[in-house]
Amino acid sequence: MYVLGIETSCDETSVSVVKDGRMVLSNEIGTSVIFHKKYGGIVPEIASRMQLETITYLADEAIKKAGIRLGDLGLISVVNRPGLAGSLLVGLSFAKALSLATGVAIIGMDHVHSHIYANFLDGKGIKLPFVALVVSGGHTSLFYIKDFDKIETLGQTQDDACGEAFDKVAKILGLGYPGGPYIERLAKSGDAKKIKFRCCGTKNPLDFSFSGIKTAVLYYVQRRSSFVVRRSSKRTTHSANIAASFQETVIDTLIRKSFLACEMKKTNRLVIGGGVAANNRLKVKFYAAAKGSGIDCYFPSKELCTDNAAMVAGFGYQLFKRGHKSNLYLNIGLN
């Protein structure tokens, strides 16, 4: 079955064609991030306007590159939750119009759950059940996956998401947006042991909290009048140490809670997805920790870590096979 995936939950616009839930035939992605950089974060109106302008073109390209016709489609899988209201409406409206015009079935998808499925597009034979960690700019959550339509939430962020904390710390240090790649690059030349930061505790041991460590970095910088925020191309050793300590603490927290979830659910399989999963230091540390624990860690390819429609199409196929589908009354859900 050919499935058309549509992803417009944030600033990316993506359309993909996936065959039988595994074979990615096309995966077109457009982004408006260049327009958000000067604001240091996503401006919803800019994102939705760009998506409105590009979605038709990207859909045409996706179908053309897949070498199929509209009539060959067996399903349209579209993200309808969670995300920015205007952005979700662009993708959902396009999907519903296409479904109405072609008679092809439609199914609404959870953006966060779709990130988990990105691992299954790389040809990995991951057995169910498993624990999944989704770590991105807007979400940090742990799930127990019994089946693709039997997903239990084990824990989630109580304030800032992990990627959001990276963005805010990058802003405090005078770096660019999005903050993840800047922090990772700067941290390579820093010493994480020079400064000690920690993440806040949570009532549920599998929940996350990253607001506290972000604030700790802010106060640390403010208390040191001799610390000059980076405003040129030269990176100070001090700022590199801050970036390294922050990054190590956050990653250690993700590892500890993810492995605890595996222990509690008695599984040795851990699947990681989301934009922050593209962080190389995070991968290295997860793999190193897994060696001594007997846990198998799985990461998607770097291009499938960020928001993309291939994961949406693949996941939609699995749910459709299990009897799930939507209708033209499908609406958006922000949470």
C-alpha atoms as a PDB file:
ATOM      1  CA  MET A   1       0.000   0.000   0.000  1.00  0.00           C
ATOM      2  CA  TYR A   2       1.196   3.519  -0.854  1.00  0.00           C
ATOM      3  CA  VAL A   3       0.657   6.023   1.975  1.00  0.00           C
ATOM      4  CA  LEU A   4       0.952   9.784   1.605  1.00  0.00           C
ATOM      5  CA  GLY A   5       2.252  11.344   4.818  1.00  0.00           C
ATOM      6  CA  ILE A   6       1.755  15.029   5.698  1.00  0.00           C
ATOM      7  CA  GLU A   7       3.577  16.770   8.556  1.00  0.00           C
ATOM      8  CA  THR A   8       3.003  20.458   9.421  1.00  0.00           C
ATOM      9  CA  SER A   9       3.009  20.510  13.227  1.00  0.00           C
ATOM     10  CA  CYS A  10       5.625  23.248  13.666  1.00  0.00           C
ATOM     11  CA  ASP A  11       7.858  25.123  11.215  1.00  0.00           C
ATOM     12  CA  GLU A  12       8.616  22.271   8.791  1.00  0.00           C
ATOM     13  CA  THR A  13       6.383  21.357   5.870  1.00  0.00           C
ATOM     14  CA  SER A  14       6.880  17.762   4.800  1.00  0.00           C
ATOM     15  CA  VAL A  15       5.140  15.385   2.418  1.00  0.00           C
ATOM     16  CA  SER A  16       6.246  11.794   1.873  1.00  0.00           C
ATOM     17  CA  VAL A  17       5.224   8.600   0.114  1.00  0.00           C
ATOM     18  CA  VAL A  18       5.978   5.354   1.964  1.00  0.00           C
ATOM     19  CA  LYS A  19       5.231   1.863   0.660  1.00  0.00           C
ATOM     20  CA  ASP A  20       3.932  -0.777   3.081  1.00  0.00           C
ATOM     21  CA  GLY A  21       5.034   1.191   6.138  1.00  0.00           C
ATOM     22  CA  ARG A  22       8.759   0.610   5.507  1.00  0.00           C
ATOM     23  CA  MET A  23      10.018   1.732   2.095  1.00  0.00           C
ATOM     24  CA  VAL A  24      10.469   5.507   1.805  1.00  0.00           C
ATOM     25  CA  LEU A  25       9.890   6.428  -1.837  1.00  0.00           C
ATOM     26  CA  SER A  26      10.041  10.190  -1.284  1.00  0.00           C
ATOM     27  CA  ASN A  27      10.363  12.533   1.663  1.00  0.00           C
ATOM     28  CA  GLU A  28      10.150  16.223   0.771  1.00  0.00           C
ATOM     29  CA  ILE A  29      10.883  18.721   3.549  1.00  0.00           C
ATOM     30  CA  GLY A  30      10.657  22.506   3.520  1.00  0.00           C
ATOM     31  CA  THR A  31      11.480  24.717   6.492  1.00  0.00           C
ATOM     32  CA  SER A  32      10.989  28.351   7.431  1.00  0.00           C
ATOM     33  CA  VAL A  33      13.665  28.289  10.146  1.00  0.00           C
ATOM     34  CA  ILE A  34      15.726  30.977   8.394  1.00  0.00           C
ATOM     35  CA  PHE A  35      12.866  33.442   8.988  1.00  0.00           C
ATOM     36  CA  HIS A  36      12.624  32.556  12.695  1.00  0.00           C
ATOM     37  CA  LYS A  37      16.338  32.920  13.484  1.00  0.00           C
ATOM     38  CA  LYS A  38      16.263  36.654  14.150  1.00  0.00           C
ATOM     39  CA  TYR A  39      13.444  36.172  16.682  1.00  0.00           C
ATOM     40  CA  GLY A  40      15.224  33.370  18.556  1.00  0.00           C
ATOM     41  CA  GLY A  41      12.230  31.040  18.266  1.00  0.00           C
ATOM     42  CA  ILE A  42       9.274  29.963  16.145  1.00  0.00           C
ATOM     43  CA  VAL A  43       6.826  32.677  15.105  1.00  0.00           C
ATOM     44  CA  PRO A  44       3.575  30.728  14.477  1.00  0.00           C
ATOM     45  CA  GLU A  45       2.169  33.110  11.876  1.00  0.00           C
ATOM     46  CA  ILE A  46       5.347  32.975   9.773  1.00  0.00           C
ATOM     47  CA  ALA A  47       5.397  29.177   9.977  1.00  0.00           C
ATOM     48  CA  SER A  48       1.793  28.675   8.892  1.00  0.00           C
ATOM     49  CA  ARG A  49       2.026  31.195   6.047  1.00  0.00           C
ATOM     50  CA  MET A  50       5.100  29.472   4.621  1.00  0.00           C
ATOM     51  CA  GLN A  51       3.371  26.091   4.928  1.00  0.00           C
ATOM     52  CA  LEU A  52       0.334  27.403   3.089  1.00  0.00           C
ATOM     53  CA  GLU A  53       2.581  28.595   0.253  1.00  0.00           C
ATOM     54  CA  THR A  54       4.657  25.411  -0.091  1.00  0.00           C
ATOM     55  CA  ILE A  55       2.498  22.385   0.742  1.00  0.00           C
ATOM     56  CA  THR A  56       0.981  21.952  -2.751  1.00  0.00           C
ATOM     57  CA  TYR A  57       4.386  22.089  -4.417  1.00  0.00           C
ATOM     58  CA  LEU A  58       5.920  19.624  -1.934  1.00  0.00           C
ATOM     59  CA  ALA A  59       3.024  17.204  -2.365  1.00  0.00           C
ATOM     60  CA  ASP A  60       3.423  17.309  -6.149  1.00  0.00           C
ATOM     61  CA  GLU A  61       7.165  16.662  -5.784  1.00  0.00           C
ATOM     62  CA  ALA A  62       6.662  13.802  -3.336  1.00  0.00           C
ATOM     63  CA  ILE A  63       4.224  11.998  -5.624  1.00  0.00           C
ATOM     64  CA  LYS A  64       6.379  12.642  -8.699  1.00  0.00           C
ATOM     65  CA  LYS A  65       9.573  11.365  -7.053  1.00  0.00           C
ATOM     66  CA  ALA A  66       7.758   8.283  -5.750  1.00  0.00           C
ATOM     67  CA  GLY A  67       6.830   7.431  -9.342  1.00  0.00           C
ATOM     68  CA  ILE A  68       3.141   6.983  -8.584  1.00  0.00           C
ATOM     69  CA  ARG A  69      -0.177   8.672  -9.345  1.00  0.00           C
ATOM     70  CA  LEU A  70      -2.746  10.025  -6.911  1.00  0.00           C
ATOM     71  CA  GLY A  71      -4.988   7.110  -7.772  1.00  0.00           C
ATOM     72  CA  ASP A  72      -2.358   4.678  -6.474  1.00  0.00           C
ATOM     73  CA  LEU A  73      -2.639   5.975  -2.923  1.00  0.00           C
ATOM     74  CA  GLY A  74      -4.335   3.757  -0.376  1.00  0.00           C
ATOM     75  CA  LEU A  75      -4.184   6.131   2.597  1.00  0.00           C
ATOM     76  CA  ILE A  76      -3.475   9.748   3.559  1.00  0.00           C
ATOM     77  CA  SER A  77      -1.801  10.003   6.968  1.00  0.00           C
ATOM     78  CA  VAL A  78      -1.693  13.508   8.445  1.00  0.00           C
ATOM     79  CA  VAL A  79      -0.494  14.922  11.765  1.00  0.00           C
ATOM     80  CA  ASN A  80      -3.404  16.583  13.576  1.00  0.00           C
ATOM     81  CA  ARG A  81      -1.890  16.767  17.092  1.00  0.00           C
ATOM     82  CA  PRO A  82      -0.034  18.219  18.960  1.00  0.00           C
ATOM     83  CA  GLY A  83       1.465  21.368  17.463  1.00  0.00           C
ATOM     84  CA  LEU A  84       0.820  24.959  16.427  1.00  0.00           C
ATOM     85  CA  ALA A  85      -2.850  25.515  15.602  1.00  0.00           C
ATOM     86  CA  GLY A  86      -2.299  27.407  12.352  1.00  0.00           C
ATOM     87  CA  SER A  87       0.320  24.961  11.118  1.00  0.00           C
ATOM     88  CA  LEU A  88      -1.766  21.884  11.929  1.00  0.00           C
ATOM     89  CA  LEU A  89      -4.743  23.408  10.121  1.00  0.00           C
ATOM     90  CA  VAL A  90      -2.736  23.876   6.918  1.00  0.00           C
ATOM     91  CA  GLY A  91      -1.721  20.220   6.730  1.00  0.00           C
ATOM     92  CA  LEU A  92      -5.075  18.874   7.889  1.00  0.00           C
ATOM     93  CA  SER A  93      -7.102  21.046   5.508  1.00  0.00           C
ATOM     94  CA  PHE A  94      -4.923  19.964   2.589  1.00  0.00           C
ATOM     95  CA  ALA A  95      -5.234  16.293   3.569  1.00  0.00           C
ATOM     96  CA  LYS A  96      -9.014  16.461   3.953  1.00  0.00           C
ATOM     97  CA  ALA A  97      -9.445  18.238   0.622  1.00  0.00           C
ATOM     98  CA  LEU A  98      -7.290  15.598  -1.064  1.00  0.00           C
ATOM     99  CA  SER A  99      -9.237  12.793   0.609  1.00  0.00           C
ATOM    100  CA  LEU A 100     -12.550  14.307  -0.474  1.00  0.00           C
ATOM    101  CA  ALA A 101     -11.371  14.767  -4.054  1.00  0.00           C
ATOM    102  CA  THR A 102      -9.846  11.298  -4.466  1.00  0.00           C
ATOM    103  CA  GLY A 103     -11.899   9.140  -2.117  1.00  0.00           C
ATOM    104  CA  VAL A 104      -8.700   7.927  -0.434  1.00  0.00           C
ATOM    105  CA  ALA A 105      -9.035   7.066   3.267  1.00  0.00           C
ATOM    106  CA  ILE A 106      -7.585   9.498   5.812  1.00  0.00           C
ATOM    107  CA  ILE A 107      -6.137   8.991   9.286  1.00  0.00           C
ATOM    108  CA  GLY A 108      -5.064  11.570  11.873  1.00  0.00           C
ATOM    109  CA  MET A 109      -1.709  11.008  13.565  1.00  0.00           C
ATOM    110  CA  ASP A 110      -0.005  11.987  16.813  1.00  0.00           C
ATOM    111  CA  HIS A 111       3.201  13.853  15.967  1.00  0.00           C
ATOM    112  CA  VAL A 112       5.060  12.647  19.063  1.00  0.00           C
ATOM    113  CA  HIS A 113       4.161   8.990  18.517  1.00  0.00           C
ATOM    114  CA  SER A 114       5.268   9.307  14.893  1.00  0.00           C
ATOM    115  CA  HIS A 115       8.817  10.133  16.014  1.00  0.00           C
ATOM    116  CA  ILE A 116       9.025   6.660  17.537  1.00  0.00           C
ATOM    117  CA  TYR A 117       8.242   5.058  14.191  1.00  0.00           C
ATOM    118  CA  ALA A 118      11.159   6.822  12.465  1.00  0.00           C
ATOM    119  CA  ASN A 119      13.328   3.929  13.698  1.00  0.00           C
ATOM    120  CA  PHE A 120      11.336   1.408  11.670  1.00  0.00           C
ATOM    121  CA  LEU A 121      12.096   3.172   8.388  1.00  0.00           C
ATOM    122  CA  ASP A 122      15.794   2.273   8.567  1.00  0.00           C
ATOM    123  CA  GLY A 123      15.205  -1.422   8.084  1.00  0.00           C
ATOM    124  CA  LYS A 124      15.756  -2.287  11.730  1.00  0.00           C
ATOM    125  CA  GLY A 125      14.010  -5.365  13.071  1.00  0.00           C
ATOM    126  CA  ILE A 126      12.898  -4.008  16.436  1.00  0.00           C
ATOM    127  CA  LYS A 127      10.707  -6.369  18.380  1.00  0.00           C
ATOM    128  CA  LEU A 128       7.713  -5.307  20.439  1.00  0.00           C
ATOM    129  CA  PRO A 129       7.313  -4.396  23.257  1.00  0.00           C
ATOM    130  CA  PHE A 130       9.883  -1.675  24.021  1.00  0.00           C
ATOM    131  CA  VAL A 131      10.390   1.597  25.859  1.00  0.00           C
ATOM    132  CA  ALA A 132      10.573   4.731  23.708  1.00  0.00           C
ATOM    133  CA  LEU A 133      12.076   8.138  24.466  1.00  0.00           C
ATOM    134  CA  VAL A 134      10.966  11.075  22.318  1.00  0.00           C
ATOM    135  CA  VAL A 135      13.164  14.094  22.900  1.00  0.00           C
ATOM    136  CA  SER A 136      12.645  17.223  20.809  1.00  0.00           C
ATOM    137  CA  GLY A 137      12.166  20.971  20.896  1.00  0.00           C
ATOM    138  CA  GLY A 138       8.587  20.729  22.093  1.00  0.00           C
ATOM    139  CA  HIS A 139       8.361  17.334  23.765  1.00  0.00           C
ATOM    140  CA  THR A 140      10.277  15.053  26.102  1.00  0.00           C
ATOM    141  CA  SER A 141       8.356  11.879  26.887  1.00  0.00           C
ATOM    142  CA  LEU A 142       8.819   8.237  27.804  1.00  0.00           C
ATOM    143  CA  PHE A 143       6.431   5.600  26.466  1.00  0.00           C
ATOM    144  CA  TYR A 144       5.899   1.877  26.768  1.00  0.00           C
ATOM    145  CA  ILE A 145       4.970   0.446  23.370  1.00  0.00           C
ATOM    146  CA  LYS A 146       3.080  -2.842  23.564  1.00  0.00           C
ATOM    147  CA  ASP A 147       1.897  -2.388  19.987  1.00  0.00           C
ATOM    148  CA  PHE A 148       1.612   0.565  17.632  1.00  0.00           C
ATOM    149  CA  ASP A 149      -1.926   1.203  18.847  1.00  0.00           C
ATOM    150  CA  LYS A 150      -1.190   0.335  22.486  1.00  0.00           C
ATOM    151  CA  ILE A 151       1.020   3.130  23.763  1.00  0.00           C
ATOM    152  CA  GLU A 152       1.323   3.919  27.466  1.00  0.00           C
ATOM    153  CA  THR A 153       2.776   7.249  28.616  1.00  0.00           C
ATOM    154  CA  LEU A 154       5.288   6.633  31.406  1.00  0.00           C
ATOM    155  CA  GLY A 155       6.578  10.157  31.920  1.00  0.00           C
ATOM    156  CA  GLN A 156       6.853  13.564  30.288  1.00  0.00           C
ATOM    157  CA  THR A 157       8.312  17.003  30.823  1.00  0.00           C
ATOM    158  CA  GLN A 158       6.657  19.081  33.516  1.00  0.00           C
ATOM    159  CA  ASP A 159       7.933  22.385  32.110  1.00  0.00           C
ATOM    160  CA  ASP A 160      10.486  23.058  29.345  1.00  0.00           C
ATOM    161  CA  ALA A 161      11.139  20.315  26.825  1.00  0.00           C
ATOM    162  CA  CYS A 162      14.751  19.238  26.384  1.00  0.00           C
ATOM    163  CA  GLY A 163      15.217  20.942  23.018  1.00  0.00           C
ATOM    164  CA  GLU A 164      13.559  24.082  24.353  1.00  0.00           C
ATOM    165  CA  ALA A 165      16.106  24.184  27.186  1.00  0.00           C
ATOM    166  CA  PHE A 166      18.932  23.892  24.635  1.00  0.00           C
ATOM    167  CA  ASP A 167      17.454  26.859  22.726  1.00  0.00           C
ATOM    168  CA  LYS A 168      17.175  29.002  25.862  1.00  0.00           C
ATOM    169  CA  VAL A 169      20.671  28.225  27.122  1.00  0.00           C
ATOM    170  CA  ALA A 170      22.051  29.016  23.665  1.00  0.00           C
ATOM    171  CA  LYS A 171      20.293  32.372  23.837  1.00  0.00           C
ATOM    172  CA  ILE A 172      21.735  33.046  27.311  1.00  0.00           C
ATOM    173  CA  LEU A 173      25.222  32.347  25.937  1.00  0.00           C
ATOM    174  CA  GLY A 174      24.655  34.608  22.940  1.00  0.00           C
ATOM    175  CA  LEU A 175      24.609  31.779  20.423  1.00  0.00           C
ATOM    176  CA  GLY A 176      22.207  31.253  17.526  1.00  0.00           C
ATOM    177  CA  TYR A 177      18.881  29.533  16.920  1.00  0.00           C
ATOM    178  CA  PRO A 178      18.064  26.663  16.937  1.00  0.00           C
ATOM    179  CA  GLY A 179      20.279  26.173  19.973  1.00  0.00           C
ATOM    180  CA  GLY A 180      20.984  22.429  19.906  1.00  0.00           C
ATOM    181  CA  PRO A 181      23.681  22.364  17.207  1.00  0.00           C
ATOM    182  CA  TYR A 182      25.375  25.488  18.657  1.00  0.00           C
ATOM    183  CA  ILE A 183      25.507  24.035  22.175  1.00  0.00           C
ATOM    184  CA  GLU A 184      26.819  20.696  20.884  1.00  0.00           C
ATOM    185  CA  ARG A 185      29.542  22.386  18.830  1.00  0.00           C
ATOM    186  CA  LEU A 186      30.629  24.696  21.652  1.00  0.00           C
ATOM    187  CA  ALA A 187      30.585  21.914  24.258  1.00  0.00           C
ATOM    188  CA  LYS A 188      33.240  19.969  22.353  1.00  0.00           C
ATOM    189  CA  SER A 189      35.899  22.453  23.473  1.00  0.00           C
ATOM    190  CA  GLY A 190      34.615  22.689  27.066  1.00  0.00           C
ATOM    191  CA  ASP A 191      35.199  20.772  30.284  1.00  0.00           C
ATOM    192  CA  ALA A 192      31.948  19.560  31.823  1.00  0.00           C
ATOM    193  CA  LYS A 193      33.630  18.972  35.194  1.00  0.00           C
ATOM    194  CA  LYS A 194      34.550  22.644  35.693  1.00  0.00           C
ATOM    195  CA  ILE A 195      30.960  23.649  36.523  1.00  0.00           C
ATOM    196  CA  LYS A 196      28.254  21.621  38.227  1.00  0.00           C
ATOM    197  CA  PHE A 197      24.651  21.929  37.106  1.00  0.00           C
ATOM    198  CA  ARG A 198      21.775  19.593  37.894  1.00  0.00           C
ATOM    199  CA  CYS A 199      18.217  18.967  36.701  1.00  0.00           C
ATOM    200  CA  CYS A 200      15.320  19.337  39.125  1.00  0.00           C
ATOM    201  CA  GLY A 201      13.768  16.249  40.658  1.00  0.00           C
ATOM    202  CA  THR A 202      10.196  15.207  39.849  1.00  0.00           C
ATOM    203  CA  LYS A 203       7.474  13.476  41.853  1.00  0.00           C
ATOM    204  CA  ASN A 204       7.138  10.803  39.181  1.00  0.00           C
ATOM    205  CA  PRO A 205      10.678   9.418  38.685  1.00  0.00           C
ATOM    206  CA  LEU A 206      10.019   9.087  34.945  1.00  0.00           C
ATOM    207  CA  ASP A 207       8.930  12.702  34.443  1.00  0.00           C
ATOM    208  CA  PHE A 208      11.379  15.388  33.296  1.00  0.00           C
ATOM    209  CA  SER A 209      12.106  18.970  34.322  1.00  0.00           C
ATOM    210  CA  PHE A 210      14.564  21.164  32.420  1.00  0.00           C
ATOM    211  CA  SER A 211      13.387  24.624  33.442  1.00  0.00           C
ATOM    212  CA  GLY A 212      15.528  24.589  36.587  1.00  0.00           C
ATOM    213  CA  ILE A 213      18.836  23.864  34.877  1.00  0.00           C
ATOM    214  CA  LYS A 214      18.105  26.549  32.283  1.00  0.00           C
ATOM    215  CA  THR A 215      17.508  29.059  35.098  1.00  0.00           C
ATOM    216  CA  ALA A 216      20.643  27.869  36.901  1.00  0.00           C
ATOM    217  CA  VAL A 217      22.692  28.653  33.793  1.00  0.00           C
ATOM    218  CA  LEU A 218      21.102  32.114  33.599  1.00  0.00           C
ATOM    219  CA  TYR A 219      21.875  32.887  37.262  1.00  0.00           C
ATOM    220  CA  TYR A 220      25.408  31.521  36.917  1.00  0.00           C
ATOM    221  CA  VAL A 221      26.086  33.884  34.023  1.00  0.00           C
ATOM    222  CA  GLN A 222      24.434  36.861  35.758  1.00  0.00           C
ATOM    223  CA  ARG A 223      26.383  36.345  39.005  1.00  0.00           C
ATOM    224  CA  ARG A 224      29.716  36.528  37.232  1.00  0.00           C
ATOM    225  CA  SER A 225      30.195  40.083  36.096  1.00  0.00           C
ATOM    226  CA  SER A 226      33.476  39.098  34.454  1.00  0.00           C
ATOM    227  CA  PHE A 227      31.639  36.705  32.139  1.00  0.00           C
ATOM    228  CA  VAL A 228      31.076  38.354  28.788  1.00  0.00           C
ATOM    229  CA  VAL A 229      28.301  36.924  26.661  1.00  0.00           C
ATOM    230  CA  ARG A 230      29.593  35.803  23.285  1.00  0.00           C
ATOM    231  CA  ARG A 231      28.924  38.490  20.711  1.00  0.00           C
ATOM    232  CA  SER A 232      31.645  37.695  18.198  1.00  0.00           C
ATOM    233  CA  SER A 233      32.978  34.642  16.413  1.00  0.00           C
ATOM    234  CA  LYS A 234      35.456  33.985  19.256  1.00  0.00           C
ATOM    235  CA  ARG A 235      34.185  31.460  21.821  1.00  0.00           C
ATOM    236  CA  THR A 236      35.522  31.782  25.339  1.00  0.00           C
ATOM    237  CA  THR A 237      36.665  28.781  27.352  1.00  0.00           C
ATOM    238  CA  HIS A 238      34.224  29.767  30.072  1.00  0.00           C
ATOM    239  CA  SER A 239      31.169  29.632  27.822  1.00  0.00           C
ATOM    240  CA  ALA A 240      32.355  26.297  26.418  1.00  0.00           C
ATOM    241  CA  ASN A 241      32.533  24.875  29.944  1.00  0.00           C
ATOM    242  CA  ILE A 242      28.976  26.058  30.629  1.00  0.00           C
ATOM    243  CA  ALA A 243      27.732  24.453  27.421  1.00  0.00           C
ATOM    244  CA  ALA A 244      29.548  21.193  28.167  1.00  0.00           C
ATOM    245  CA  SER A 245      28.271  20.965  31.740  1.00  0.00           C
ATOM    246  CA  PHE A 246      24.713  21.771  30.718  1.00  0.00           C
ATOM    247  CA  GLN A 247      24.732  19.232  27.890  1.00  0.00           C
ATOM    248  CA  GLU A 248      26.275  16.428  29.986  1.00  0.00           C
ATOM    249  CA  THR A 249      23.800  16.935  32.819  1.00  0.00           C
ATOM    250  CA  VAL A 250      20.792  16.881  30.511  1.00  0.00           C
ATOM    251  CA  ILE A 251      21.982  13.780  28.652  1.00  0.00           C
ATOM    252  CA  ASP A 252      22.773  11.960  31.906  1.00  0.00           C
ATOM    253  CA  THR A 253      19.235  12.709  33.093  1.00  0.00           C
ATOM    254  CA  LEU A 254      17.744  11.325  29.881  1.00  0.00           C
ATOM    255  CA  ILE A 255      19.827   8.156  30.184  1.00  0.00           C
ATOM    256  CA  ARG A 256      19.041   7.568  33.837  1.00  0.00           C
ATOM    257  CA  LYS A 257      15.282   7.923  33.427  1.00  0.00           C
ATOM    258  CA  SER A 258      15.135   5.956  30.161  1.00  0.00           C
ATOM    259  CA  PHE A 259      17.052   3.025  31.629  1.00  0.00           C
ATOM    260  CA  LEU A 260      14.896   3.154  34.748  1.00  0.00           C
ATOM    261  CA  ALA A 261      11.815   2.878  32.529  1.00  0.00           C
ATOM    262  CA  CYS A 262      13.317  -0.196  30.831  1.00  0.00           C
ATOM    263  CA  GLU A 263      13.993  -1.714  34.231  1.00  0.00           C
ATOM    264  CA  MET A 264      10.464  -1.014  35.468  1.00  0.00           C
ATOM    265  CA  LYS A 265       8.892  -2.473  32.317  1.00  0.00           C
ATOM    266  CA  LYS A 266      11.337  -5.395  32.200  1.00  0.00           C
ATOM    267  CA  THR A 267      12.444  -4.791  28.619  1.00  0.00           C
ATOM    268  CA  ASN A 268      15.939  -4.541  27.161  1.00  0.00           C
ATOM    269  CA  ARG A 269      14.896  -2.519  24.114  1.00  0.00           C
ATOM    270  CA  LEU A 270      15.017   1.291  24.064  1.00  0.00           C
ATOM    271  CA  VAL A 271      13.980   3.297  20.996  1.00  0.00           C
ATOM    272  CA  ILE A 272      14.934   6.996  20.796  1.00  0.00           C
ATOM    273  CA  GLY A 273      13.463   9.590  18.432  1.00  0.00           C
ATOM    274  CA  GLY A 274      12.993  13.342  17.987  1.00  0.00           C
ATOM    275  CA  GLY A 275      15.176  16.262  16.957  1.00  0.00           C
ATOM    276  CA  VAL A 276      17.535  16.093  19.948  1.00  0.00           C
ATOM    277  CA  ALA A 277      18.283  12.452  19.031  1.00  0.00           C
ATOM    278  CA  ALA A 278      20.484  13.900  16.267  1.00  0.00           C
ATOM    279  CA  ASN A 279      22.922  15.108  18.965  1.00  0.00           C
ATOM    280  CA  ASN A 280      26.105  13.023  18.512  1.00  0.00           C
ATOM    281  CA  ARG A 281      27.174  13.297  22.143  1.00  0.00           C
ATOM    282  CA  LEU A 282      23.767  11.990  23.217  1.00  0.00           C
ATOM    283  CA  LYS A 283      24.168   8.956  20.943  1.00  0.00           C
ATOM    284  CA  VAL A 284      27.690   8.217  22.182  1.00  0.00           C
ATOM    285  CA  LYS A 285      26.655   8.368  25.830  1.00  0.00           C
ATOM    286  CA  PHE A 286      23.508   6.268  25.343  1.00  0.00           C
ATOM    287  CA  TYR A 287      25.445   3.564  23.496  1.00  0.00           C
ATOM    288  CA  ALA A 288      28.212   3.589  26.125  1.00  0.00           C
ATOM    289  CA  ALA A 289      25.708   3.264  28.983  1.00  0.00           C
ATOM    290  CA  ALA A 290      23.845   0.509  27.129  1.00  0.00           C
ATOM    291  CA  LYS A 291      26.962  -1.674  26.850  1.00  0.00           C
ATOM    292  CA  GLY A 292      27.088  -2.349  30.562  1.00  0.00           C
ATOM    293  CA  SER A 293      23.330  -2.646  31.055  1.00  0.00           C
ATOM    294  CA  GLY A 294      22.325  -5.194  28.447  1.00  0.00           C
ATOM    295  CA  ILE A 295      19.933  -2.724  26.823  1.00  0.00           C
ATOM    296  CA  ASP A 296      19.754  -2.382  23.038  1.00  0.00           C
ATOM    297  CA  CYS A 297      19.426   1.272  21.975  1.00  0.00           C
ATOM    298  CA  TYR A 298      18.003   2.282  18.612  1.00  0.00           C
ATOM    299  CA  PHE A 299      18.328   5.668  16.894  1.00  0.00           C
ATOM    300  CA  PRO A 300      16.880   6.714  13.520  1.00  0.00           C
ATOM    301  CA  SER A 301      19.118   8.171  10.820  1.00  0.00           C
ATOM    302  CA  LYS A 302      19.890  11.859  11.303  1.00  0.00           C
ATOM    303  CA  GLU A 303      17.507  13.012   8.561  1.00  0.00           C
ATOM    304  CA  LEU A 304      14.644  11.132  10.210  1.00  0.00           C
ATOM    305  CA  CYS A 305      15.256  12.669  13.654  1.00  0.00           C
ATOM    306  CA  THR A 306      13.753  16.005  12.677  1.00  0.00           C
ATOM    307  CA  ASP A 307      10.094  16.513  11.744  1.00  0.00           C
ATOM    308  CA  ASN A 308       9.339  14.599   8.552  1.00  0.00           C
ATOM    309  CA  ALA A 309       6.337  13.046   6.832  1.00  0.00           C
ATOM    310  CA  ALA A 310       7.919   9.614   6.228  1.00  0.00           C
ATOM    311  CA  MET A 311       7.499   8.685   9.896  1.00  0.00           C
ATOM    312  CA  VAL A 312       3.892   9.926   9.734  1.00  0.00           C
ATOM    313  CA  ALA A 313       3.130   7.815   6.665  1.00  0.00           C
ATOM    314  CA  GLY A 314       4.775   4.720   8.133  1.00  0.00           C
ATOM    315  CA  PHE A 315       3.017   4.980  11.456  1.00  0.00           C
ATOM    316  CA  GLY A 316      -0.311   5.695   9.766  1.00  0.00           C
ATOM    317  CA  TYR A 317       0.051   2.492   7.740  1.00  0.00           C
ATOM    318  CA  GLN A 318       0.520   0.434  10.912  1.00  0.00           C
ATOM    319  CA  LEU A 319      -2.552   1.924  12.583  1.00  0.00           C
ATOM    320  CA  PHE A 320      -4.669   1.562   9.428  1.00  0.00           C
ATOM    321  CA  LYS A 321      -3.721  -2.128   9.272  1.00  0.00           C
ATOM    322  CA  ARG A 322      -5.019  -2.472  12.821  1.00  0.00           C
ATOM    323  CA  GLY A 323      -8.416  -1.065  11.885  1.00  0.00           C
ATOM    324  CA  HIS A 324      -7.960   2.616  12.728  1.00  0.00           C
ATOM    325  CA  LYS A 325      -9.058   5.437  10.424  1.00  0.00           C
ATOM    326  CA  SER A 326     -10.587   8.902  10.558  1.00  0.00           C
ATOM    327  CA  ASN A 327     -13.212  10.790   8.568  1.00  0.00           C
ATOM    328  CA  LEU A 328     -13.631  14.299   7.161  1.00  0.00           C
ATOM    329  CA  TYR A 329     -14.819  15.573  10.560  1.00  0.00           C
ATOM    330  CA  LEU A 330     -11.245  15.113  11.802  1.00  0.00           C
ATOM    331  CA  ASN A 331     -10.039  18.210  13.663  1.00  0.00           C
ATOM    332  CA  ILE A 332      -6.814  19.388  15.266  1.00  0.00           C
ATOM    333  CA  GLY A 333      -5.803  18.684  18.837  1.00  0.00           C
ATOM    334  CA  LEU A 334      -3.239  21.001  20.411  1.00  0.00           C
ATOM    335  CA  ASN A 335      -2.209  18.722  23.287  1.00  0.00           C
END
